[in-house]
C-alpha atoms as a PDB file:
ATOM      1  CA  UNK A   1     129.083  72.350 136.936  1.00  0.00           C
ATOM      2  CA  UNK A   2     129.300  72.411 133.006  1.00  0.00           C
ATOM      3  CA  UNK A   3     131.108  75.075 131.391  1.00  0.00           C
ATOM      4  CA  UNK A   4     129.260  78.420 130.139  1.00  0.00           C
ATOM      5  CA  UNK A   5     127.814  77.476 126.797  1.00  0.00           C
ATOM      6  CA  UNK A   6     127.027  79.817 124.198  1.00  0.00           C
ATOM      7  CA  UNK A   7     123.444  82.000 124.660  1.00  0.00           C
ATOM      8  CA  UNK A   8     120.609  80.530 122.605  1.00  0.00           C
ATOM      9  CA  UNK A   9     120.757  83.877 120.795  1.00  0.00           C
ATOM     10  CA  UNK A  10     124.220  83.693 119.770  1.00  0.00           C
ATOM     11  CA  UNK A  11     125.324  83.693 116.520  1.00  0.00           C
ATOM     12  CA  UNK A  12     126.339  79.931 114.959  1.00  0.00           C
ATOM     13  CA  UNK A  13     129.108  79.551 112.393  1.00  0.00           C
ATOM     14  CA  UNK A  14     127.475  76.240 111.451  1.00  0.00           C
ATOM     15  CA  UNK A  15     123.934  78.049 110.628  1.00  0.00           C
ATOM     16  CA  UNK A  16     125.858  80.702 108.244  1.00  0.00           C
ATOM     17  CA  UNK A  17     127.870  78.324 106.918  1.00  0.00           C
ATOM     18  CA  UNK A  18     124.959  75.874 105.975  1.00  0.00           C
ATOM     19  CA  UNK A  19     122.545  79.265 104.932  1.00  0.00           C
ATOM     20  CA  UNK A  20     125.498  80.503 102.543  1.00  0.00           C
ATOM     21  CA  UNK A  21     125.539  76.535 101.504  1.00  0.00           C
ATOM     22  CA  UNK A  22     121.420  76.338 101.144  1.00  0.00           C
ATOM     23  CA  UNK A  23     121.617  80.009  98.761  1.00  0.00           C
ATOM     24  CA  UNK A  24     124.163  78.996  96.375  1.00  0.00           C
ATOM     25  CA  UNK A  25     122.688  75.600  95.765  1.00  0.00           C
ATOM     26  CA  UNK A  26     119.146  77.182  95.335  1.00  0.00           C
ATOM     27  CA  UNK A  27     120.558  79.869  93.048  1.00  0.00           C
ATOM     28  CA  UNK A  28     122.671  77.257  91.036  1.00  0.00           C
ATOM     29  CA  UNK A  29     119.769  75.732  90.140  1.00  0.00           C
ATOM     30  CA  UNK A  30     117.361  78.561  89.333  1.00  0.00           C
ATOM     31  CA  UNK A  31     119.769  81.418  88.336  1.00  0.00           C
ATOM     32  CA  UNK A  32     118.721  85.040  89.369  1.00  0.00           C
ATOM     33  CA  UNK A  33     115.992  85.346  91.504  1.00  0.00           C
ATOM     34  CA  UNK A  34     114.425  88.225  93.069  1.00  0.00           C
ATOM     35  CA  UNK A  35     115.273  88.668  96.793  1.00  0.00           C
ATOM     36  CA  UNK A  36     111.494  88.531  97.862  1.00  0.00           C
ATOM     37  CA  UNK A  37     111.567  84.859  96.319  1.00  0.00           C
ATOM     38  CA  UNK A  38     114.815  83.716  97.405  1.00  0.00           C
ATOM     39  CA  UNK A  39     113.365  84.495 100.914  1.00  0.00           C
ATOM     40  CA  UNK A  40     110.578  82.399 100.424  1.00  0.00           C
ATOM     41  CA  UNK A  41     112.110  79.385  99.191  1.00  0.00           C
ATOM     42  CA  UNK A  42     115.549  79.799 101.522  1.00  0.00           C
ATOM     43  CA  UNK A  43     114.967  79.453 105.256  1.00  0.00           C
ATOM     44  CA  UNK A  44     117.200  81.559 107.275  1.00  0.00           C
ATOM     45  CA  UNK A  45     118.230  79.478 110.395  1.00  0.00           C
ATOM     46  CA  UNK A  46     117.513  81.099 113.597  1.00  0.00           C
ATOM     47  CA  UNK A  47     121.374  81.378 114.637  1.00  0.00           C
ATOM     48  CA  UNK A  48     122.121  84.097 111.372  1.00  0.00           C
ATOM     49  CA  UNK A  49     120.835  87.217 113.206  1.00  0.00           C
ATOM     50  CA  UNK A  50     121.303  89.697 109.688  1.00  0.00           C
ATOM     51  CA  UNK A  51     118.611  90.101 107.454  1.00  0.00           C
ATOM     52  CA  UNK A  52     118.950  88.039 103.899  1.00  0.00           C
ATOM     53  CA  UNK A  53     119.974  91.317 102.094  1.00  0.00           C
ATOM     54  CA  UNK A  54     122.546  92.125 104.700  1.00  0.00           C
ATOM     55  CA  UNK A  55     124.216  88.725 104.639  1.00  0.00           C
ATOM     56  CA  UNK A  56     124.258  88.776 100.779  1.00  0.00           C
ATOM     57  CA  UNK A  57     125.996  92.236 100.974  1.00  0.00           C
ATOM     58  CA  UNK A  58     128.266  90.539 103.692  1.00  0.00           C
ATOM     59  CA  UNK A  59     128.843  87.799 101.229  1.00  0.00           C
ATOM     60  CA  UNK A  60     129.535  89.626  98.147  1.00  0.00           C
ATOM     61  CA  UNK A  61     132.804  87.712  96.813  1.00  0.00           C
ATOM     62  CA  UNK A  62     129.843  84.863  96.034  1.00  0.00           C
ATOM     63  CA  UNK A  63     126.790  86.472  95.473  1.00  0.00           C
ATOM     64  CA  UNK A  64     125.650  89.515  93.267  1.00  0.00           C
ATOM     65  CA  UNK A  65     122.828  91.774  94.311  1.00  0.00           C
ATOM     66  CA  UNK A  66     121.757  94.346  91.746  1.00  0.00           C
ATOM     67  CA  UNK A  67     117.970  96.048  91.605  1.00  0.00           C
ATOM     68  CA  UNK A  68     116.759  93.192  93.719  1.00  0.00           C
ATOM     69  CA  UNK A  69     117.573  89.953  92.320  1.00  0.00           C
ATOM     70  CA  UNK A  70     120.115  88.104  93.406  1.00  0.00           C
ATOM     71  CA  UNK A  71     122.258  85.838  91.147  1.00  0.00           C
ATOM     72  CA  UNK A  72     125.917  83.864  92.030  1.00  0.00           C
ATOM     73  CA  UNK A  73     129.114  85.362  90.836  1.00  0.00           C
END
């Protein structure tokens, strides 16, 4: 019997890291970006369960969000 694999709904650390990296790359190229635009341009992986705004707040050491606009710190 194969060992118990994580369920498909479980968040994947690699997905979160890849998402963070993609957001950082986009913001480096484009500067301050409204959250709505950022959400359209950088697709969230299926392994990241939280909404983008929550993800950005959880990574507040990297991202600065104010008045609906995100930038890098």
